[in-house]
């Protein structure tokens, strides 16, 4: 039993010696590596002068006068600024284009509205008339020489009854100039209608409507509608068509 105990003690002592020897060897190896590393670092540091290293003693020393790292100046986002300016300039440009377009449209509309309906509706196309003929027309037309323009003016004002009086007076002067009818004092509208139907059959319907509307306006006190007036007004070119006029010798 003593031999067994002795054998175990010897084994334990051997294991202890082995562990101790391994630690010593590792420490020696590490110290040797550190010494080599320190030697290599020291030789490298000795080649240059650093304010935080003492080359004579191989020790590090504190450095108190290290300049503070300058803070980077904040960079202005110039790209963003230029992009914003570009957007604003584009918006202002298109607003200017829209304003100019609206202004030109208004000028165009005004020009169209102010243009007379037809150049032929002016005094230059009026038939030759004398004061004697003018005296045969309704009292309302006294002092007027351009009957079509006056009729158009009254129609724009919405007074279609008054416009019809001037338009019918123009018809009488035009047909008298073409010798389709003969303007005379005391003649009735029905007599003028018979003469016009005989010499210009194509005008019978238009002239009939014109006489009826004229009599409603001047004698009946009836307010004419825009559609009724436009119906005869739009056919005034028929009255200008001298080629169809049956002139009497």
C-alpha atoms as a PDB file:
ATOM      1  CA  UNK A   1       0.000   0.000   0.000  1.00  0.00           C
ATOM      2  CA  UNK A   2       2.936   2.232   0.628  1.00  0.00           C
ATOM      3  CA  UNK A   3       4.270   1.374  -2.812  1.00  0.00           C
ATOM      4  CA  UNK A   4       1.002   2.341  -4.437  1.00  0.00           C
ATOM      5  CA  UNK A   5       0.931   5.639  -2.607  1.00  0.00           C
ATOM      6  CA  UNK A   6       4.508   6.307  -3.536  1.00  0.00           C
ATOM      7  CA  UNK A   7       3.800   5.608  -7.197  1.00  0.00           C
ATOM      8  CA  UNK A   8       0.862   8.022  -7.221  1.00  0.00           C
ATOM      9  CA  UNK A   9       2.943  10.702  -5.542  1.00  0.00           C
ATOM     10  CA  UNK A  10       5.688  10.278  -8.091  1.00  0.00           C
ATOM     11  CA  UNK A  11       3.141  10.616 -10.955  1.00  0.00           C
ATOM     12  CA  UNK A  12       1.632  13.711  -9.413  1.00  0.00           C
ATOM     13  CA  UNK A  13       5.052  15.259  -8.899  1.00  0.00           C
ATOM     14  CA  UNK A  14       5.982  14.480 -12.490  1.00  0.00           C
ATOM     15  CA  UNK A  15       2.771  16.094 -13.775  1.00  0.00           C
ATOM     16  CA  UNK A  16       3.435  19.203 -11.663  1.00  0.00           C
ATOM     17  CA  UNK A  17       6.976  19.462 -12.971  1.00  0.00           C
ATOM     18  CA  UNK A  18       5.706  19.114 -16.558  1.00  0.00           C
ATOM     19  CA  UNK A  19       3.164  21.899 -16.118  1.00  0.00           C
ATOM     20  CA  UNK A  20       5.705  24.154 -14.449  1.00  0.00           C
ATOM     21  CA  UNK A  21       8.218  23.539 -17.196  1.00  0.00           C
ATOM     22  CA  UNK A  22       5.598  24.322 -19.885  1.00  0.00           C
ATOM     23  CA  UNK A  23       4.714  27.660 -18.210  1.00  0.00           C
ATOM     24  CA  UNK A  24       8.350  28.610 -17.896  1.00  0.00           C
ATOM     25  CA  UNK A  25       8.996  27.776 -21.522  1.00  0.00           C
ATOM     26  CA  UNK A  26       5.948  29.799 -22.663  1.00  0.00           C
ATOM     27  CA  UNK A  27       6.982  32.775 -20.521  1.00  0.00           C
ATOM     28  CA  UNK A  28      10.495  32.672 -21.886  1.00  0.00           C
ATOM     29  CA  UNK A  29       9.168  32.456 -25.411  1.00  0.00           C
ATOM     30  CA  UNK A  30       6.753  35.341 -24.895  1.00  0.00           C
ATOM     31  CA  UNK A  31       9.388  37.461 -23.221  1.00  0.00           C
ATOM     32  CA  UNK A  32      11.782  36.702 -26.015  1.00  0.00           C
ATOM     33  CA  UNK A  33       9.122  37.659 -28.596  1.00  0.00           C
ATOM     34  CA  UNK A  34       8.295  40.839 -26.721  1.00  0.00           C
ATOM     35  CA  UNK A  35      11.975  41.642 -26.437  1.00  0.00           C
ATOM     36  CA  UNK A  36      12.414  41.142 -30.160  1.00  0.00           C
ATOM     37  CA  UNK A  37       9.295  43.190 -30.893  1.00  0.00           C
ATOM     38  CA  UNK A  38      10.386  45.936 -28.508  1.00  0.00           C
ATOM     39  CA  UNK A  39      13.819  45.867 -30.049  1.00  0.00           C
ATOM     40  CA  UNK A  40      12.349  46.171 -33.516  1.00  0.00           C
ATOM     41  CA  UNK A  41       9.951  48.930 -32.447  1.00  0.00           C
ATOM     42  CA  UNK A  42      12.696  50.729 -30.609  1.00  0.00           C
ATOM     43  CA  UNK A  43      14.988  50.645 -33.618  1.00  0.00           C
ATOM     44  CA  UNK A  44      12.155  51.939 -35.781  1.00  0.00           C
ATOM     45  CA  UNK A  45      11.319  54.736 -33.356  1.00  0.00           C
ATOM     46  CA  UNK A  46      14.987  55.721 -33.056  1.00  0.00           C
ATOM     47  CA  UNK A  47      15.150  56.375 -36.787  1.00  0.00           C
ATOM     48  CA  UNK A  48      12.722  59.332 -36.393  1.00  0.00           C
ATOM     49  CA  UNK A  49      12.209  61.829 -33.656  1.00  0.00           C
ATOM     50  CA  UNK A  50       8.767  61.768 -32.131  1.00  0.00           C
ATOM     51  CA  UNK A  51       7.679  64.169 -29.406  1.00  0.00           C
ATOM     52  CA  UNK A  52       6.119  61.354 -27.428  1.00  0.00           C
ATOM     53  CA  UNK A  53       9.180  58.968 -27.459  1.00  0.00           C
ATOM     54  CA  UNK A  54      12.560  59.215 -25.670  1.00  0.00           C
ATOM     55  CA  UNK A  55      15.073  57.533 -27.958  1.00  0.00           C
ATOM     56  CA  UNK A  56      17.840  57.519 -25.332  1.00  0.00           C
ATOM     57  CA  UNK A  57      15.904  55.700 -22.629  1.00  0.00           C
ATOM     58  CA  UNK A  58      13.443  53.918 -24.897  1.00  0.00           C
ATOM     59  CA  UNK A  59      10.536  55.177 -22.873  1.00  0.00           C
ATOM     60  CA  UNK A  60       7.355  56.934 -23.880  1.00  0.00           C
ATOM     61  CA  UNK A  61       6.693  60.382 -22.533  1.00  0.00           C
ATOM     62  CA  UNK A  62       3.522  62.445 -22.323  1.00  0.00           C
ATOM     63  CA  UNK A  63       3.101  65.283 -24.792  1.00  0.00           C
ATOM     64  CA  UNK A  64       1.112  68.286 -23.576  1.00  0.00           C
ATOM     65  CA  UNK A  65       1.388  70.674 -26.520  1.00  0.00           C
ATOM     66  CA  UNK A  66      -0.432  68.660 -29.102  1.00  0.00           C
ATOM     67  CA  UNK A  67      -2.434  71.108 -31.262  1.00  0.00           C
ATOM     68  CA  UNK A  68      -6.129  70.471 -31.297  1.00  0.00           C
ATOM     69  CA  UNK A  69      -7.445  69.057 -34.490  1.00  0.00           C
ATOM     70  CA  UNK A  70      -9.132  71.769 -36.421  1.00  0.00           C
ATOM     71  CA  UNK A  71     -12.772  71.209 -36.832  1.00  0.00           C
ATOM     72  CA  UNK A  72     -13.828  70.984 -40.475  1.00  0.00           C
ATOM     73  CA  UNK A  73     -15.760  73.975 -41.665  1.00  0.00           C
ATOM     74  CA  UNK A  74     -19.358  73.193 -42.447  1.00  0.00           C
ATOM     75  CA  UNK A  75     -19.778  72.921 -46.178  1.00  0.00           C
ATOM     76  CA  UNK A  76     -22.634  74.848 -47.714  1.00  0.00           C
ATOM     77  CA  UNK A  77     -24.833  72.791 -49.942  1.00  0.00           C
ATOM     78  CA  UNK A  78     -24.237  74.831 -53.074  1.00  0.00           C
ATOM     79  CA  UNK A  79     -25.742  72.133 -55.287  1.00  0.00           C
ATOM     80  CA  UNK A  80     -29.045  72.387 -53.431  1.00  0.00           C
ATOM     81  CA  UNK A  81     -28.992  76.204 -53.675  1.00  0.00           C
ATOM     82  CA  UNK A  82     -28.445  76.137 -57.429  1.00  0.00           C
ATOM     83  CA  UNK A  83     -31.208  73.538 -57.863  1.00  0.00           C
ATOM     84  CA  UNK A  84     -33.667  75.718 -55.913  1.00  0.00           C
ATOM     85  CA  UNK A  85     -32.778  78.789 -57.971  1.00  0.00           C
ATOM     86  CA  UNK A  86     -33.247  76.791 -61.178  1.00  0.00           C
ATOM     87  CA  UNK A  87     -36.711  75.633 -60.085  1.00  0.00           C
ATOM     88  CA  UNK A  88     -37.753  79.184 -59.136  1.00  0.00           C
ATOM     89  CA  UNK A  89     -36.524  80.575 -62.462  1.00  0.00           C
ATOM     90  CA  UNK A  90     -38.416  77.903 -64.391  1.00  0.00           C
ATOM     91  CA  UNK A  91     -41.637  78.627 -62.472  1.00  0.00           C
ATOM     92  CA  UNK A  92     -41.296  82.372 -63.091  1.00  0.00           C
ATOM     93  CA  UNK A  93     -40.599  81.754 -66.778  1.00  0.00           C
ATOM     94  CA  UNK A  94     -43.743  79.664 -67.299  1.00  0.00           C
ATOM     95  CA  UNK A  95     -45.844  82.160 -65.320  1.00  0.00           C
ATOM     96  CA  UNK A  96     -44.581  84.892 -67.649  1.00  0.00           C
ATOM     97  CA  UNK A  97     -45.401  82.746 -70.700  1.00  0.00           C
ATOM     98  CA  UNK A  98     -48.939  82.137 -69.378  1.00  0.00           C
ATOM     99  CA  UNK A  99     -49.517  85.857 -68.735  1.00  0.00           C
ATOM    100  CA  UNK A 100     -48.324  86.757 -72.233  1.00  0.00           C
ATOM    101  CA  UNK A 101     -50.528  84.044 -73.775  1.00  0.00           C
ATOM    102  CA  UNK A 102     -53.606  85.289 -71.903  1.00  0.00           C
ATOM    103  CA  UNK A 103     -52.831  88.882 -72.878  1.00  0.00           C
ATOM    104  CA  UNK A 104     -52.465  87.979 -76.563  1.00  0.00           C
ATOM    105  CA  UNK A 105     -55.697  85.958 -76.431  1.00  0.00           C
ATOM    106  CA  UNK A 106     -57.581  88.921 -74.960  1.00  0.00           C
ATOM    107  CA  UNK A 107     -56.192  91.225 -77.659  1.00  0.00           C
ATOM    108  CA  UNK A 108     -57.168  88.741 -80.368  1.00  0.00           C
ATOM    109  CA  UNK A 109     -60.702  88.363 -79.043  1.00  0.00           C
ATOM    110  CA  UNK A 110     -61.107  92.132 -78.817  1.00  0.00           C
ATOM    111  CA  UNK A 111     -59.826  92.520 -82.346  1.00  0.00           C
ATOM    112  CA  UNK A 112     -62.285  89.918 -83.644  1.00  0.00           C
ATOM    113  CA  UNK A 113     -65.194  91.517 -81.790  1.00  0.00           C
ATOM    114  CA  UNK A 114     -64.306  95.000 -83.015  1.00  0.00           C
ATOM    115  CA  UNK A 115     -63.973  93.942 -86.669  1.00  0.00           C
ATOM    116  CA  UNK A 116     -67.135  94.808 -88.590  1.00  0.00           C
ATOM    117  CA  UNK A 117     -69.107  91.785 -89.633  1.00  0.00           C
ATOM    118  CA  UNK A 118     -68.464  92.451 -93.306  1.00  0.00           C
ATOM    119  CA  UNK A 119     -66.853  95.271 -95.139  1.00  0.00           C
ATOM    120  CA  UNK A 120     -69.822  95.261 -97.510  1.00  0.00           C
ATOM    121  CA  UNK A 121     -72.023  96.396 -94.629  1.00  0.00           C
ATOM    122  CA  UNK A 122     -70.607  99.937 -94.805  1.00  0.00           C
ATOM    123  CA  UNK A 123     -71.771 103.090 -96.508  1.00  0.00           C
ATOM    124  CA  UNK A 124     -69.758 102.314 -99.655  1.00  0.00           C
ATOM    125  CA  UNK A 125     -72.260  99.544-100.439  1.00  0.00           C
ATOM    126  CA  UNK A 126     -75.278 101.681 -99.796  1.00  0.00           C
ATOM    127  CA  UNK A 127     -77.430 102.313-102.830  1.00  0.00           C
ATOM    128  CA  UNK A 128     -77.612 105.788-104.285  1.00  0.00           C
ATOM    129  CA  UNK A 129     -80.337 107.700-102.532  1.00  0.00           C
ATOM    130  CA  UNK A 130     -81.675 111.189-102.451  1.00  0.00           C
ATOM    131  CA  UNK A 131     -83.284 113.187 -99.711  1.00  0.00           C
ATOM    132  CA  UNK A 132     -86.588 112.573-101.441  1.00  0.00           C
ATOM    133  CA  UNK A 133     -86.152 108.831-100.986  1.00  0.00           C
ATOM    134  CA  UNK A 134     -85.092 109.224 -97.378  1.00  0.00           C
ATOM    135  CA  UNK A 135     -88.285 111.145 -96.675  1.00  0.00           C
ATOM    136  CA  UNK A 136     -90.268 108.090 -97.782  1.00  0.00           C
ATOM    137  CA  UNK A 137     -88.761 105.972 -94.989  1.00  0.00           C
ATOM    138  CA  UNK A 138     -90.087 105.748 -91.395  1.00  0.00           C
ATOM    139  CA  UNK A 139     -89.679 108.809 -89.185  1.00  0.00           C
ATOM    140  CA  UNK A 140     -87.403 106.836 -86.845  1.00  0.00           C
ATOM    141  CA  UNK A 141     -84.679 106.644 -89.518  1.00  0.00           C
ATOM    142  CA  UNK A 142     -84.244 110.404 -89.968  1.00  0.00           C
ATOM    143  CA  UNK A 143     -80.636 111.511 -89.775  1.00  0.00           C
ATOM    144  CA  UNK A 144     -79.265 108.049 -90.488  1.00  0.00           C
ATOM    145  CA  UNK A 145     -77.386 107.259 -93.702  1.00  0.00           C
ATOM    146  CA  UNK A 146     -75.793 103.850 -92.935  1.00  0.00           C
ATOM    147  CA  UNK A 147     -78.871 101.768 -92.215  1.00  0.00           C
ATOM    148  CA  UNK A 148     -77.138  98.403 -92.014  1.00  0.00           C
ATOM    149  CA  UNK A 149     -74.585  99.619 -89.478  1.00  0.00           C
ATOM    150  CA  UNK A 150     -77.352 101.176 -87.405  1.00  0.00           C
ATOM    151  CA  UNK A 151     -79.404  97.973 -87.571  1.00  0.00           C
ATOM    152  CA  UNK A 152     -76.359  95.978 -86.466  1.00  0.00           C
ATOM    153  CA  UNK A 153     -75.697  98.422 -83.633  1.00  0.00           C
ATOM    154  CA  UNK A 154     -79.264  98.177 -82.330  1.00  0.00           C
ATOM    155  CA  UNK A 155     -79.140  94.381 -82.542  1.00  0.00           C
ATOM    156  CA  UNK A 156     -75.967  94.308 -80.416  1.00  0.00           C
ATOM    157  CA  UNK A 157     -77.774  96.475 -77.884  1.00  0.00           C
ATOM    158  CA  UNK A 158     -80.588  93.896 -77.808  1.00  0.00           C
ATOM    159  CA  UNK A 159     -83.236  96.148 -79.382  1.00  0.00           C
ATOM    160  CA  UNK A 160     -84.224  93.875 -82.280  1.00  0.00           C
ATOM    161  CA  UNK A 161     -87.457  95.745 -82.972  1.00  0.00           C
ATOM    162  CA  UNK A 162     -85.597  98.993 -83.628  1.00  0.00           C
ATOM    163  CA  UNK A 163     -82.935  97.080 -85.574  1.00  0.00           C
ATOM    164  CA  UNK A 164     -85.661  95.660 -87.848  1.00  0.00           C
ATOM    165  CA  UNK A 165     -86.921  99.157 -88.720  1.00  0.00           C
ATOM    166  CA  UNK A 166     -83.484 100.193 -90.004  1.00  0.00           C
ATOM    167  CA  UNK A 167     -82.937  96.849 -91.732  1.00  0.00           C
ATOM    168  CA  UNK A 168     -86.282  97.058 -93.563  1.00  0.00           C
ATOM    169  CA  UNK A 169     -85.537 100.656 -94.595  1.00  0.00           C
ATOM    170  CA  UNK A 170     -82.240  99.416 -96.068  1.00  0.00           C
ATOM    171  CA  UNK A 171     -84.145  96.728 -97.990  1.00  0.00           C
ATOM    172  CA  UNK A 172     -86.453  99.325 -99.520  1.00  0.00           C
ATOM    173  CA  UNK A 173     -83.512 101.481-100.640  1.00  0.00           C
ATOM    174  CA  UNK A 174     -81.629  98.487-102.044  1.00  0.00           C
ATOM    175  CA  UNK A 175     -84.618  97.130-103.990  1.00  0.00           C
ATOM    176  CA  UNK A 176     -85.444 100.625-105.208  1.00  0.00           C
ATOM    177  CA  UNK A 177     -81.861 101.075-106.455  1.00  0.00           C
ATOM    178  CA  UNK A 178     -82.116  97.746-108.296  1.00  0.00           C
ATOM    179  CA  UNK A 179     -85.500  98.853-109.748  1.00  0.00           C
ATOM    180  CA  UNK A 180     -87.173  95.817-108.221  1.00  0.00           C
ATOM    181  CA  UNK A 181     -89.640  98.170-106.579  1.00  0.00           C
ATOM    182  CA  UNK A 182     -90.433 101.830-107.127  1.00  0.00           C
ATOM    183  CA  UNK A 183     -90.376 103.941-104.002  1.00  0.00           C
ATOM    184  CA  UNK A 184     -93.306 106.318-103.980  1.00  0.00           C
ATOM    185  CA  UNK A 185     -95.143 108.269-101.372  1.00  0.00           C
ATOM    186  CA  UNK A 186     -98.403 106.664-100.294  1.00  0.00           C
ATOM    187  CA  UNK A 187     -97.475 103.116-101.341  1.00  0.00           C
ATOM    188  CA  UNK A 188     -98.239 100.372 -98.861  1.00  0.00           C
ATOM    189  CA  UNK A 189     -95.973  97.521 -97.865  1.00  0.00           C
ATOM    190  CA  UNK A 190     -98.287  95.085 -99.657  1.00  0.00           C
ATOM    191  CA  UNK A 191     -97.797  96.983-102.897  1.00  0.00           C
ATOM    192  CA  UNK A 192     -94.041  96.802-102.443  1.00  0.00           C
ATOM    193  CA  UNK A 193     -94.376  93.073-101.793  1.00  0.00           C
ATOM    194  CA  UNK A 194     -96.321  92.489-105.005  1.00  0.00           C
ATOM    195  CA  UNK A 195     -93.748  94.414-107.029  1.00  0.00           C
ATOM    196  CA  UNK A 196     -90.839  92.506-105.434  1.00  0.00           C
ATOM    197  CA  UNK A 197     -92.552  89.138-105.945  1.00  0.00           C
ATOM    198  CA  UNK A 198     -93.162  89.943-109.590  1.00  0.00           C
ATOM    199  CA  UNK A 199     -89.644  91.181-110.370  1.00  0.00           C
ATOM    200  CA  UNK A 200     -87.646  89.051-107.925  1.00  0.00           C
ATOM    201  CA  UNK A 201     -89.606  85.886-107.087  1.00  0.00           C
ATOM    202  CA  UNK A 202     -86.644  84.543-105.110  1.00  0.00           C
ATOM    203  CA  UNK A 203     -87.112  87.390-102.620  1.00  0.00           C
ATOM    204  CA  UNK A 204     -90.796  86.806-101.970  1.00  0.00           C
ATOM    205  CA  UNK A 205     -90.376  84.767 -98.751  1.00  0.00           C
ATOM    206  CA  UNK A 206     -87.616  86.953 -97.302  1.00  0.00           C
ATOM    207  CA  UNK A 207     -89.436  90.185 -98.092  1.00  0.00           C
ATOM    208  CA  UNK A 208     -92.709  88.815 -96.691  1.00  0.00           C
ATOM    209  CA  UNK A 209     -91.051  87.990 -93.353  1.00  0.00           C
ATOM    210  CA  UNK A 210     -89.314  91.364 -93.307  1.00  0.00           C
ATOM    211  CA  UNK A 211     -92.562  93.282 -93.848  1.00  0.00           C
ATOM    212  CA  UNK A 212     -94.389  91.297 -91.179  1.00  0.00           C
ATOM    213  CA  UNK A 213     -91.610  91.856 -88.604  1.00  0.00           C
ATOM    214  CA  UNK A 214     -91.330  95.559 -89.533  1.00  0.00           C
ATOM    215  CA  UNK A 215     -95.064  96.105 -89.032  1.00  0.00           C
ATOM    216  CA  UNK A 216     -95.013  94.178 -85.717  1.00  0.00           C
ATOM    217  CA  UNK A 217     -92.159  96.366 -84.486  1.00  0.00           C
ATOM    218  CA  UNK A 218     -93.313  99.815 -85.629  1.00  0.00           C
ATOM    219  CA  UNK A 219     -97.084  99.479 -85.533  1.00  0.00           C
ATOM    220  CA  UNK A 220     -97.830  96.590 -83.194  1.00  0.00           C
ATOM    221  CA  UNK A 221     -95.303  97.516 -80.502  1.00  0.00           C
ATOM    222  CA  UNK A 222     -94.171  93.898 -80.406  1.00  0.00           C
ATOM    223  CA  UNK A 223     -90.698  93.129 -79.073  1.00  0.00           C
ATOM    224  CA  UNK A 224     -88.932  90.987 -81.638  1.00  0.00           C
ATOM    225  CA  UNK A 225     -86.833  88.020 -80.614  1.00  0.00           C
ATOM    226  CA  UNK A 226     -83.194  87.654 -81.539  1.00  0.00           C
ATOM    227  CA  UNK A 227     -83.819  84.418 -83.453  1.00  0.00           C
ATOM    228  CA  UNK A 228     -86.533  86.004 -85.597  1.00  0.00           C
ATOM    229  CA  UNK A 229     -84.355  88.982 -86.481  1.00  0.00           C
ATOM    230  CA  UNK A 230     -81.321  86.820 -87.233  1.00  0.00           C
ATOM    231  CA  UNK A 231     -83.434  84.710 -89.567  1.00  0.00           C
ATOM    232  CA  UNK A 232     -83.916  87.610 -91.997  1.00  0.00           C
ATOM    233  CA  UNK A 233     -80.670  89.416 -91.179  1.00  0.00           C
ATOM    234  CA  UNK A 234     -78.555  86.466 -92.299  1.00  0.00           C
ATOM    235  CA  UNK A 235     -80.187  86.533 -95.751  1.00  0.00           C
ATOM    236  CA  UNK A 236     -79.233  90.114 -96.621  1.00  0.00           C
ATOM    237  CA  UNK A 237     -76.761  88.906 -99.246  1.00  0.00           C
ATOM    238  CA  UNK A 238     -79.737  87.859-101.375  1.00  0.00           C
ATOM    239  CA  UNK A 239     -80.774  91.504-101.562  1.00  0.00           C
ATOM    240  CA  UNK A 240     -77.297  92.490-102.777  1.00  0.00           C
ATOM    241  CA  UNK A 241     -77.387  89.972-105.612  1.00  0.00           C
ATOM    242  CA  UNK A 242     -77.981  92.383-108.436  1.00  0.00           C
ATOM    243  CA  UNK A 243     -77.532  89.678-111.083  1.00  0.00           C
ATOM    244  CA  UNK A 244     -80.913  88.255-110.139  1.00  0.00           C
ATOM    245  CA  UNK A 245     -82.601  91.618-110.139  1.00  0.00           C
ATOM    246  CA  UNK A 246     -85.177  92.052-112.869  1.00  0.00           C
ATOM    247  CA  UNK A 247     -84.522  95.603-113.943  1.00  0.00           C
ATOM    248  CA  UNK A 248     -87.253  97.429-115.760  1.00  0.00           C
ATOM    249  CA  UNK A 249     -86.442  99.559-118.715  1.00  0.00           C
END
